[in-house]
Amino acid sequence: MPGNRYYGGNEFIDEIENLCRSRALEAFHLDPTKWGVNVQPYSGSPANFAAYTAVLQPHDRIMGLDLPSGGHLTHGITPPVGRRSRLPRFTSRVCLTR
């Protein structure tokens, strides 16, 4: 919930979340006294994907850490069989359709 997060320093996230919530209610002409909207991503994957598609252009590259160094699965992984994750390609294809 905005204003009630475990970690400090999230006041800008709270502002963005409140703005998104009010815009979603307005877009669907819903009464905020009767309706609530949860705009938080349910995990790191959709959160990262939202951030990537918000700031990247087609074929842009980003640097991400590998899992043992504190990275996330959405940064691309090399499984034991040696094949790379297809997520970076998928992200590239989605960005191309923007």
PDB file of N, CA and C in Angstrom:
ATOM      1  N   MET A   1       0.835  -1.189   0.000  1.00  0.00           N
ATOM      2  CA  MET A   1       0.000   0.000   0.000  1.00  0.00           C
ATOM      3  C   MET A   1       0.874   1.246   0.000  1.00  0.00           C
ATOM      4  N   PRO A   2       0.513   2.243  -0.764  1.00  0.00           N
ATOM      5  CA  PRO A   2       1.272   3.494  -0.752  1.00  0.00           C
ATOM      6  C   PRO A   2       1.343   4.094   0.648  1.00  0.00           C
ATOM      7  N   GLY A   3       2.522   4.587   0.986  1.00  0.00           N
ATOM      8  CA  GLY A   3       2.725   5.195   2.287  1.00  0.00           C
ATOM      9  C   GLY A   3       2.954   4.196   3.411  1.00  0.00           C
ATOM     10  N   ASN A   4       2.935   2.911   3.078  1.00  0.00           N
ATOM     11  CA  ASN A   4       3.073   1.885   4.109  1.00  0.00           C
ATOM     12  C   ASN A   4       3.962   0.749   3.607  1.00  0.00           C
ATOM     13  N   ARG A   5       5.121   1.093   3.082  1.00  0.00           N
ATOM     14  CA  ARG A   5       6.020   0.085   2.526  1.00  0.00           C
ATOM     15  C   ARG A   5       7.089  -0.303   3.534  1.00  0.00           C
ATOM     16  N   TYR A   6       7.609  -1.482   3.333  1.00  0.00           N
ATOM     17  CA  TYR A   6       8.635  -1.999   4.234  1.00  0.00           C
ATOM     18  C   TYR A   6       9.913  -1.173   4.139  1.00  0.00           C
ATOM     19  N   TYR A   7      10.330  -0.853   2.917  1.00  0.00           N
ATOM     20  CA  TYR A   7      11.562  -0.095   2.711  1.00  0.00           C
ATOM     21  C   TYR A   7      11.260   1.392   2.602  1.00  0.00           C
ATOM     22  N   GLY A   8      12.125   2.199   3.155  1.00  0.00           N
ATOM     23  CA  GLY A   8      11.989   3.642   3.024  1.00  0.00           C
ATOM     24  C   GLY A   8      12.444   4.111   1.654  1.00  0.00           C
ATOM     25  N   GLY A   9      12.151   5.359   1.336  1.00  0.00           N
ATOM     26  CA  GLY A   9      12.605   5.936   0.075  1.00  0.00           C
ATOM     27  C   GLY A   9      11.723   5.638  -1.116  1.00  0.00           C
ATOM     28  N   ASN A  10      10.520   5.162  -0.882  1.00  0.00           N
ATOM     29  CA  ASN A  10       9.628   4.817  -1.992  1.00  0.00           C
ATOM     30  C   ASN A  10       8.537   5.853  -2.222  1.00  0.00           C
ATOM     31  N   GLU A  11       8.765   7.082  -1.771  1.00  0.00           N
ATOM     32  CA  GLU A  11       7.697   8.078  -1.900  1.00  0.00           C
ATOM     33  C   GLU A  11       7.346   8.378  -3.358  1.00  0.00           C
ATOM     34  N   PHE A  12       8.329   8.271  -4.275  1.00  0.00           N
ATOM     35  CA  PHE A  12       8.020   8.508  -5.689  1.00  0.00           C
ATOM     36  C   PHE A  12       7.221   7.346  -6.266  1.00  0.00           C
ATOM     37  N   ILE A  13       7.529   6.141  -5.825  1.00  0.00           N
ATOM     38  CA  ILE A  13       6.743   4.980  -6.241  1.00  0.00           C
ATOM     39  C   ILE A  13       5.306   5.137  -5.753  1.00  0.00           C
ATOM     40  N   ASP A  14       5.150   5.613  -4.527  1.00  0.00           N
ATOM     41  CA  ASP A  14       3.805   5.850  -3.987  1.00  0.00           C
ATOM     42  C   ASP A  14       3.041   6.860  -4.835  1.00  0.00           C
ATOM     43  N   GLU A  15       3.703   7.941  -5.230  1.00  0.00           N
ATOM     44  CA  GLU A  15       3.047   8.961  -6.067  1.00  0.00           C
ATOM     45  C   GLU A  15       2.609   8.374  -7.399  1.00  0.00           C
ATOM     46  N   ILE A  16       3.490   7.601  -8.033  1.00  0.00           N
ATOM     47  CA  ILE A  16       3.168   6.992  -9.328  1.00  0.00           C
ATOM     48  C   ILE A  16       2.006   6.014  -9.176  1.00  0.00           C
ATOM     49  N   GLU A  17       2.051   5.214  -8.125  1.00  0.00           N
ATOM     50  CA  GLU A  17       0.986   4.237  -7.900  1.00  0.00           C
ATOM     51  C   GLU A  17      -0.357   4.925  -7.656  1.00  0.00           C
ATOM     52  N   ASN A  18      -0.369   5.981  -6.874  1.00  0.00           N
ATOM     53  CA  ASN A  18      -1.613   6.718  -6.624  1.00  0.00           C
ATOM     54  C   ASN A  18      -2.149   7.357  -7.901  1.00  0.00           C
ATOM     55  N   LEU A  19      -1.257   7.919  -8.719  1.00  0.00           N
ATOM     56  CA  LEU A  19      -1.672   8.515  -9.993  1.00  0.00           C
ATOM     57  C   LEU A  19      -2.256   7.447 -10.916  1.00  0.00           C
ATOM     58  N   CYS A  20      -1.588   6.309 -11.002  1.00  0.00           N
ATOM     59  CA  CYS A  20      -2.060   5.216 -11.853  1.00  0.00           C
ATOM     60  C   CYS A  20      -3.422   4.709 -11.381  1.00  0.00           C
ATOM     61  N   ARG A  21      -3.584   4.580 -10.074  1.00  0.00           N
ATOM     62  CA  ARG A  21      -4.853   4.118  -9.509  1.00  0.00           C
ATOM     63  C   ARG A  21      -5.982   5.091  -9.863  1.00  0.00           C
ATOM     64  N   SER A  22      -5.742   6.382  -9.683  1.00  0.00           N
ATOM     65  CA  SER A  22      -6.804   7.358  -9.968  1.00  0.00           C
ATOM     66  C   SER A  22      -7.126   7.406 -11.458  1.00  0.00           C
ATOM     67  N   ARG A  23      -6.108   7.257 -12.301  1.00  0.00           N
ATOM     68  CA  ARG A  23      -6.364   7.259 -13.750  1.00  0.00           C
ATOM     69  C   ARG A  23      -7.130   6.019 -14.190  1.00  0.00           C
ATOM     70  N   ALA A  24      -6.834   4.878 -13.588  1.00  0.00           N
ATOM     71  CA  ALA A  24      -7.564   3.653 -13.934  1.00  0.00           C
ATOM     72  C   ALA A  24      -9.034   3.780 -13.551  1.00  0.00           C
ATOM     73  N   LEU A  25      -9.305   4.307 -12.370  1.00  0.00           N
ATOM     74  CA  LEU A  25     -10.694   4.507 -11.946  1.00  0.00           C
ATOM     75  C   LEU A  25     -11.409   5.488 -12.870  1.00  0.00           C
ATOM     76  N   GLU A  26     -10.711   6.541 -13.248  1.00  0.00           N
ATOM     77  CA  GLU A  26     -11.295   7.546 -14.140  1.00  0.00           C
ATOM     78  C   GLU A  26     -11.545   6.967 -15.531  1.00  0.00           C
ATOM     79  N   ALA A  27     -10.617   6.166 -16.030  1.00  0.00           N
ATOM     80  CA  ALA A  27     -10.751   5.596 -17.376  1.00  0.00           C
ATOM     81  C   ALA A  27     -11.987   4.709 -17.499  1.00  0.00           C
ATOM     82  N   PHE A  28     -12.338   4.036 -16.415  1.00  0.00           N
ATOM     83  CA  PHE A  28     -13.498   3.146 -16.443  1.00  0.00           C
ATOM     84  C   PHE A  28     -14.719   3.754 -15.765  1.00  0.00           C
ATOM     85  N   HIS A  29     -14.638   5.052 -15.485  1.00  0.00           N
ATOM     86  CA  HIS A  29     -15.753   5.791 -14.880  1.00  0.00           C
ATOM     87  C   HIS A  29     -16.257   5.105 -13.609  1.00  0.00           C
ATOM     88  N   LEU A  30     -15.319   4.735 -12.735  1.00  0.00           N
ATOM     89  CA  LEU A  30     -15.666   4.041 -11.491  1.00  0.00           C
ATOM     90  C   LEU A  30     -15.577   4.988 -10.304  1.00  0.00           C
ATOM     91  N   ASP A  31     -16.482   4.812  -9.381  1.00  0.00           N
ATOM     92  CA  ASP A  31     -16.525   5.611  -8.162  1.00  0.00           C
ATOM     93  C   ASP A  31     -15.471   5.086  -7.188  1.00  0.00           C
ATOM     94  N   PRO A  32     -14.481   5.913  -6.804  1.00  0.00           N
ATOM     95  CA  PRO A  32     -13.426   5.432  -5.906  1.00  0.00           C
ATOM     96  C   PRO A  32     -13.922   5.055  -4.511  1.00  0.00           C
ATOM     97  N   THR A  33     -15.121   5.488  -4.139  1.00  0.00           N
ATOM     98  CA  THR A  33     -15.662   5.075  -2.837  1.00  0.00           C
ATOM     99  C   THR A  33     -16.248   3.666  -2.899  1.00  0.00           C
ATOM    100  N   LYS A  34     -16.497   3.179  -4.125  1.00  0.00           N
ATOM    101  CA  LYS A  34     -17.073   1.849  -4.297  1.00  0.00           C
ATOM    102  C   LYS A  34     -16.089   0.844  -4.884  1.00  0.00           C
ATOM    103  N   TRP A  35     -15.059   1.345  -5.552  1.00  0.00           N
ATOM    104  CA  TRP A  35     -14.124   0.478  -6.258  1.00  0.00           C
ATOM    105  C   TRP A  35     -12.697   0.736  -5.797  1.00  0.00           C
ATOM    106  N   GLY A  36     -11.895  -0.309  -5.859  1.00  0.00           N
ATOM    107  CA  GLY A  36     -10.463  -0.203  -5.611  1.00  0.00           C
ATOM    108  C   GLY A  36      -9.708  -0.763  -6.801  1.00  0.00           C
ATOM    109  N   VAL A  37      -8.504  -0.313  -6.983  1.00  0.00           N
ATOM    110  CA  VAL A  37      -7.686  -0.767  -8.103  1.00  0.00           C
ATOM    111  C   VAL A  37      -6.301  -1.118  -7.569  1.00  0.00           C
ATOM    112  N   ASN A  38      -5.835  -2.312  -7.873  1.00  0.00           N
ATOM    113  CA  ASN A  38      -4.472  -2.697  -7.517  1.00  0.00           C
ATOM    114  C   ASN A  38      -3.612  -2.594  -8.768  1.00  0.00           C
ATOM    115  N   VAL A  39      -2.673  -1.688  -8.772  1.00  0.00           N
ATOM    116  CA  VAL A  39      -1.832  -1.469  -9.945  1.00  0.00           C
ATOM    117  C   VAL A  39      -0.416  -2.000  -9.732  1.00  0.00           C
ATOM    118  N   GLN A  40      -0.199  -2.725  -8.647  1.00  0.00           N
ATOM    119  CA  GLN A  40       1.130  -3.268  -8.369  1.00  0.00           C
ATOM    120  C   GLN A  40       1.361  -4.533  -9.185  1.00  0.00           C
ATOM    121  N   PRO A  41       2.545  -4.672  -9.778  1.00  0.00           N
ATOM    122  CA  PRO A  41       2.845  -5.934 -10.460  1.00  0.00           C
ATOM    123  C   PRO A  41       2.933  -7.064  -9.437  1.00  0.00           C
ATOM    124  N   TYR A  42       2.551  -8.261  -9.847  1.00  0.00           N
ATOM    125  CA  TYR A  42       2.507  -9.373  -8.900  1.00  0.00           C
ATOM    126  C   TYR A  42       3.862 -10.024  -8.672  1.00  0.00           C
ATOM    127  N   SER A  43       4.858  -9.690  -9.497  1.00  0.00           N
ATOM    128  CA  SER A  43       6.197 -10.237  -9.269  1.00  0.00           C
ATOM    129  C   SER A  43       7.217  -9.394 -10.025  1.00  0.00           C
ATOM    130  N   GLY A  44       8.466  -9.783  -9.903  1.00  0.00           N
ATOM    131  CA  GLY A  44       9.551  -9.035 -10.542  1.00  0.00           C
ATOM    132  C   GLY A  44       9.524  -9.088 -12.060  1.00  0.00           C
ATOM    133  N   SER A  45       9.056 -10.191 -12.636  1.00  0.00           N
ATOM    134  CA  SER A  45       9.054 -10.310 -14.098  1.00  0.00           C
ATOM    135  C   SER A  45       8.175  -9.262 -14.774  1.00  0.00           C
ATOM    136  N   PRO A  46       6.886  -9.136 -14.401  1.00  0.00           N
ATOM    137  CA  PRO A  46       6.086  -8.095 -15.043  1.00  0.00           C
ATOM    138  C   PRO A  46       6.538  -6.685 -14.664  1.00  0.00           C
ATOM    139  N   ALA A  47       7.106  -6.531 -13.479  1.00  0.00           N
ATOM    140  CA  ALA A  47       7.620  -5.209 -13.091  1.00  0.00           C
ATOM    141  C   ALA A  47       8.785  -4.817 -13.989  1.00  0.00           C
ATOM    142  N   ASN A  48       9.719  -5.741 -14.202  1.00  0.00           N
ATOM    143  CA  ASN A  48      10.848  -5.460 -15.087  1.00  0.00           C
ATOM    144  C   ASN A  48      10.382  -5.237 -16.518  1.00  0.00           C
ATOM    145  N   PHE A  49       9.432  -6.059 -16.981  1.00  0.00           N
ATOM    146  CA  PHE A  49       8.942  -5.909 -18.348  1.00  0.00           C
ATOM    147  C   PHE A  49       8.295  -4.541 -18.550  1.00  0.00           C
ATOM    148  N   ALA A  50       7.538  -4.081 -17.571  1.00  0.00           N
ATOM    149  CA  ALA A  50       6.925  -2.751 -17.664  1.00  0.00           C
ATOM    150  C   ALA A  50       7.993  -1.671 -17.741  1.00  0.00           C
ATOM    151  N   ALA A  51       9.034  -1.816 -16.942  1.00  0.00           N
ATOM    152  CA  ALA A  51      10.116  -0.825 -16.965  1.00  0.00           C
ATOM    153  C   ALA A  51      10.864  -0.863 -18.292  1.00  0.00           C
ATOM    154  N   TYR A  52      11.155  -2.069 -18.797  1.00  0.00           N
ATOM    155  CA  TYR A  52      11.871  -2.183 -20.069  1.00  0.00           C
ATOM    156  C   TYR A  52      11.080  -1.534 -21.205  1.00  0.00           C
ATOM    157  N   THR A  53       9.795  -1.877 -21.313  1.00  0.00           N
ATOM    158  CA  THR A  53       9.004  -1.359 -22.429  1.00  0.00           C
ATOM    159  C   THR A  53       8.714   0.131 -22.292  1.00  0.00           C
ATOM    160  N   ALA A  54       8.825   0.666 -21.086  1.00  0.00           N
ATOM    161  CA  ALA A  54       8.593   2.101 -20.890  1.00  0.00           C
ATOM    162  C   ALA A  54       9.774   2.939 -21.353  1.00  0.00           C
ATOM    163  N   VAL A  55      10.982   2.416 -21.237  1.00  0.00           N
ATOM    164  CA  VAL A  55      12.160   3.252 -21.505  1.00  0.00           C
ATOM    165  C   VAL A  55      12.996   2.804 -22.692  1.00  0.00           C
ATOM    166  N   LEU A  56      12.812   1.582 -23.186  1.00  0.00           N
ATOM    167  CA  LEU A  56      13.656   1.084 -24.269  1.00  0.00           C
ATOM    168  C   LEU A  56      12.994   1.250 -25.627  1.00  0.00           C
ATOM    169  N   GLN A  57      13.813   1.446 -26.614  1.00  0.00           N
ATOM    170  CA  GLN A  57      13.378   1.464 -28.001  1.00  0.00           C
ATOM    171  C   GLN A  57      13.765   0.124 -28.626  1.00  0.00           C
ATOM    172  N   PRO A  58      13.185  -0.237 -29.776  1.00  0.00           N
ATOM    173  CA  PRO A  58      13.564  -1.494 -30.423  1.00  0.00           C
ATOM    174  C   PRO A  58      15.076  -1.585 -30.611  1.00  0.00           C
ATOM    175  N   HIS A  59      15.628  -2.737 -30.285  1.00  0.00           N
ATOM    176  CA  HIS A  59      17.053  -3.074 -30.413  1.00  0.00           C
ATOM    177  C   HIS A  59      17.943  -2.397 -29.377  1.00  0.00           C
ATOM    178  N   ASP A  60      17.373  -1.657 -28.424  1.00  0.00           N
ATOM    179  CA  ASP A  60      18.190  -1.114 -27.336  1.00  0.00           C
ATOM    180  C   ASP A  60      18.743  -2.266 -26.506  1.00  0.00           C
ATOM    181  N   ARG A  61      19.851  -1.992 -25.843  1.00  0.00           N
ATOM    182  CA  ARG A  61      20.457  -3.000 -24.973  1.00  0.00           C
ATOM    183  C   ARG A  61      20.563  -2.445 -23.571  1.00  0.00           C
ATOM    184  N   ILE A  62      20.440  -3.344 -22.616  1.00  0.00           N
ATOM    185  CA  ILE A  62      20.642  -2.971 -21.221  1.00  0.00           C
ATOM    186  C   ILE A  62      21.611  -3.969 -20.607  1.00  0.00           C
ATOM    187  N   MET A  63      22.232  -3.574 -19.541  1.00  0.00           N
ATOM    188  CA  MET A  63      23.120  -4.479 -18.834  1.00  0.00           C
ATOM    189  C   MET A  63      22.419  -4.931 -17.562  1.00  0.00           C
ATOM    190  N   GLY A  64      22.403  -6.217 -17.334  1.00  0.00           N
ATOM    191  CA  GLY A  64      21.805  -6.763 -16.127  1.00  0.00           C
ATOM    192  C   GLY A  64      22.738  -7.769 -15.486  1.00  0.00           C
ATOM    193  N   LEU A  65      22.629  -7.902 -14.203  1.00  0.00           N
ATOM    194  CA  LEU A  65      23.451  -8.860 -13.468  1.00  0.00           C
ATOM    195  C   LEU A  65      22.939 -10.277 -13.658  1.00  0.00           C
ATOM    196  N   ASP A  66      23.849 -11.258 -13.561  1.00  0.00           N
ATOM    197  CA  ASP A  66      23.401 -12.640 -13.567  1.00  0.00           C
ATOM    198  C   ASP A  66      22.848 -12.984 -12.185  1.00  0.00           C
ATOM    199  N   LEU A  67      22.169 -14.119 -12.101  1.00  0.00           N
ATOM    200  CA  LEU A  67      21.506 -14.491 -10.847  1.00  0.00           C
ATOM    201  C   LEU A  67      22.447 -14.541  -9.641  1.00  0.00           C
ATOM    202  N   PRO A  68      23.613 -15.200  -9.741  1.00  0.00           N
ATOM    203  CA  PRO A  68      24.476 -15.265  -8.560  1.00  0.00           C
ATOM    204  C   PRO A  68      24.977 -13.895  -8.090  1.00  0.00           C
ATOM    205  N   SER A  69      24.949 -12.916  -8.975  1.00  0.00           N
ATOM    206  CA  SER A  69      25.427 -11.574  -8.616  1.00  0.00           C
ATOM    207  C   SER A  69      24.304 -10.644  -8.174  1.00  0.00           C
ATOM    208  N   GLY A  70      23.097 -11.174  -8.039  1.00  0.00           N
ATOM    209  CA  GLY A  70      21.980 -10.366  -7.571  1.00  0.00           C
ATOM    210  C   GLY A  70      20.996  -9.980  -8.649  1.00  0.00           C
ATOM    211  N   GLY A  71      21.166 -10.514  -9.853  1.00  0.00           N
ATOM    212  CA  GLY A  71      20.259 -10.196 -10.950  1.00  0.00           C
ATOM    213  C   GLY A  71      18.943 -10.946 -10.842  1.00  0.00           C
ATOM    214  N   HIS A  72      18.124 -10.806 -11.861  1.00  0.00           N
ATOM    215  CA  HIS A  72      16.796 -11.411 -11.898  1.00  0.00           C
ATOM    216  C   HIS A  72      16.694 -12.283 -13.135  1.00  0.00           C
ATOM    217  N   LEU A  73      15.799 -13.265 -13.107  1.00  0.00           N
ATOM    218  CA  LEU A  73      15.615 -14.148 -14.259  1.00  0.00           C
ATOM    219  C   LEU A  73      15.317 -13.383 -15.538  1.00  0.00           C
ATOM    220  N   THR A  74      14.649 -12.246 -15.432  1.00  0.00           N
ATOM    221  CA  THR A  74      14.298 -11.476 -16.623  1.00  0.00           C
ATOM    222  C   THR A  74      15.496 -10.775 -17.240  1.00  0.00           C
ATOM    223  N   HIS A  75      16.642 -10.840 -16.608  1.00  0.00           N
ATOM    224  CA  HIS A  75      17.851 -10.258 -17.195  1.00  0.00           C
ATOM    225  C   HIS A  75      18.496 -11.216 -18.184  1.00  0.00           C
ATOM    226  N   GLY A  76      17.940 -12.403 -18.331  1.00  0.00           N
ATOM    227  CA  GLY A  76      18.507 -13.424 -19.205  1.00  0.00           C
ATOM    228  C   GLY A  76      19.336 -14.392 -18.384  1.00  0.00           C
ATOM    229  N   ILE A  77      19.205 -15.670 -18.663  1.00  0.00           N
ATOM    230  CA  ILE A  77      19.922 -16.684 -17.896  1.00  0.00           C
ATOM    231  C   ILE A  77      20.603 -17.657 -18.831  1.00  0.00           C
ATOM    232  N   THR A  78      21.609 -18.337 -18.330  1.00  0.00           N
ATOM    233  CA  THR A  78      22.230 -19.442 -19.036  1.00  0.00           C
ATOM    234  C   THR A  78      21.982 -20.695 -18.212  1.00  0.00           C
ATOM    235  N   PRO A  79      21.043 -21.527 -18.647  1.00  0.00           N
ATOM    236  CA  PRO A  79      20.769 -22.745 -17.889  1.00  0.00           C
ATOM    237  C   PRO A  79      21.924 -23.740 -18.027  1.00  0.00           C
ATOM    238  N   PRO A  80      21.921 -24.800 -17.225  1.00  0.00           N
ATOM    239  CA  PRO A  80      23.025 -25.763 -17.258  1.00  0.00           C
ATOM    240  C   PRO A  80      23.282 -26.368 -18.632  1.00  0.00           C
ATOM    241  N   VAL A  81      22.269 -26.469 -19.485  1.00  0.00           N
ATOM    242  CA  VAL A  81      22.472 -27.059 -20.811  1.00  0.00           C
ATOM    243  C   VAL A  81      23.145 -26.088 -21.768  1.00  0.00           C
ATOM    244  N   GLY A  82      23.344 -24.842 -21.359  1.00  0.00           N
ATOM    245  CA  GLY A  82      24.098 -23.896 -22.169  1.00  0.00           C
ATOM    246  C   GLY A  82      23.277 -23.023 -23.090  1.00  0.00           C
ATOM    247  N   ARG A  83      21.972 -23.267 -23.173  1.00  0.00           N
ATOM    248  CA  ARG A  83      21.139 -22.432 -24.037  1.00  0.00           C
ATOM    249  C   ARG A  83      20.673 -21.206 -23.274  1.00  0.00           C
ATOM    250  N   ARG A  84      20.670 -20.079 -23.897  1.00  0.00           N
ATOM    251  CA  ARG A  84      20.267 -18.839 -23.224  1.00  0.00           C
ATOM    252  C   ARG A  84      18.748 -18.724 -23.150  1.00  0.00           C
ATOM    253  N   SER A  85      18.317 -17.947 -22.185  1.00  0.00           N
ATOM    254  CA  SER A  85      16.895 -17.652 -22.049  1.00  0.00           C
ATOM    255  C   SER A  85      16.392 -16.958 -23.308  1.00  0.00           C
ATOM    256  N   ARG A  86      15.169 -17.221 -23.675  1.00  0.00           N
ATOM    257  CA  ARG A  86      14.587 -16.563 -24.843  1.00  0.00           C
ATOM    258  C   ARG A  86      13.936 -15.235 -24.494  1.00  0.00           C
ATOM    259  N   LEU A  87      13.879 -14.873 -23.225  1.00  0.00           N
ATOM    260  CA  LEU A  87      13.199 -13.644 -22.836  1.00  0.00           C
ATOM    261  C   LEU A  87      13.771 -12.403 -23.503  1.00  0.00           C
ATOM    262  N   PRO A  88      15.104 -12.237 -23.613  1.00  0.00           N
ATOM    263  CA  PRO A  88      15.587 -11.038 -24.303  1.00  0.00           C
ATOM    264  C   PRO A  88      15.090 -10.948 -25.747  1.00  0.00           C
ATOM    265  N   ARG A  89      15.005 -12.090 -26.450  1.00  0.00           N
ATOM    266  CA  ARG A  89      14.466 -12.069 -27.818  1.00  0.00           C
ATOM    267  C   ARG A  89      12.990 -11.692 -27.803  1.00  0.00           C
ATOM    268  N   PHE A  90      12.256 -12.286 -26.872  1.00  0.00           N
ATOM    269  CA  PHE A  90      10.833 -11.985 -26.741  1.00  0.00           C
ATOM    270  C   PHE A  90      10.625 -10.499 -26.484  1.00  0.00           C
ATOM    271  N   THR A  91      11.405  -9.950 -25.557  1.00  0.00           N
ATOM    272  CA  THR A  91      11.299  -8.528 -25.247  1.00  0.00           C
ATOM    273  C   THR A  91      11.582  -7.704 -26.489  1.00  0.00           C
ATOM    274  N   SER A  92      12.584  -8.111 -27.260  1.00  0.00           N
ATOM    275  CA  SER A  92      12.938  -7.385 -28.478  1.00  0.00           C
ATOM    276  C   SER A  92      11.779  -7.405 -29.464  1.00  0.00           C
ATOM    277  N   ARG A  93      11.147  -8.562 -29.619  1.00  0.00           N
ATOM    278  CA  ARG A  93      10.026  -8.660 -30.561  1.00  0.00           C
ATOM    279  C   ARG A  93       8.849  -7.805 -30.116  1.00  0.00           C
ATOM    280  N   VAL A  94       8.569  -7.809 -28.836  1.00  0.00           N
ATOM    281  CA  VAL A  94       7.459  -7.000 -28.343  1.00  0.00           C
ATOM    282  C   VAL A  94       7.753  -5.528 -28.563  1.00  0.00           C
ATOM    283  N   CYS A  95       8.989  -5.113 -28.297  1.00  0.00           N
ATOM    284  CA  CYS A  95       9.354  -3.706 -28.483  1.00  0.00           C
ATOM    285  C   CYS A  95       9.261  -3.299 -29.948  1.00  0.00           C
ATOM    286  N   LEU A  96       9.514  -4.241 -30.854  1.00  0.00           N
ATOM    287  CA  LEU A  96       9.445  -3.919 -32.276  1.00  0.00           C
ATOM    288  C   LEU A  96       8.025  -3.602 -32.717  1.00  0.00           C
ATOM    289  N   THR A  97       7.032  -4.104 -32.008  1.00  0.00           N
ATOM    290  CA  THR A  97       5.645  -3.883 -32.410  1.00  0.00           C
ATOM    291  C   THR A  97       5.070  -2.599 -31.842  1.00  0.00           C
ATOM    292  N   ARG A  98       5.854  -1.857 -31.048  1.00  0.00           N
ATOM    293  CA  ARG A  98       5.351  -0.626 -30.445  1.00  0.00           C
ATOM    294  C   ARG A  98       5.124   0.448 -31.470  1.00  0.00           C
TER     295      ARG A  98
END
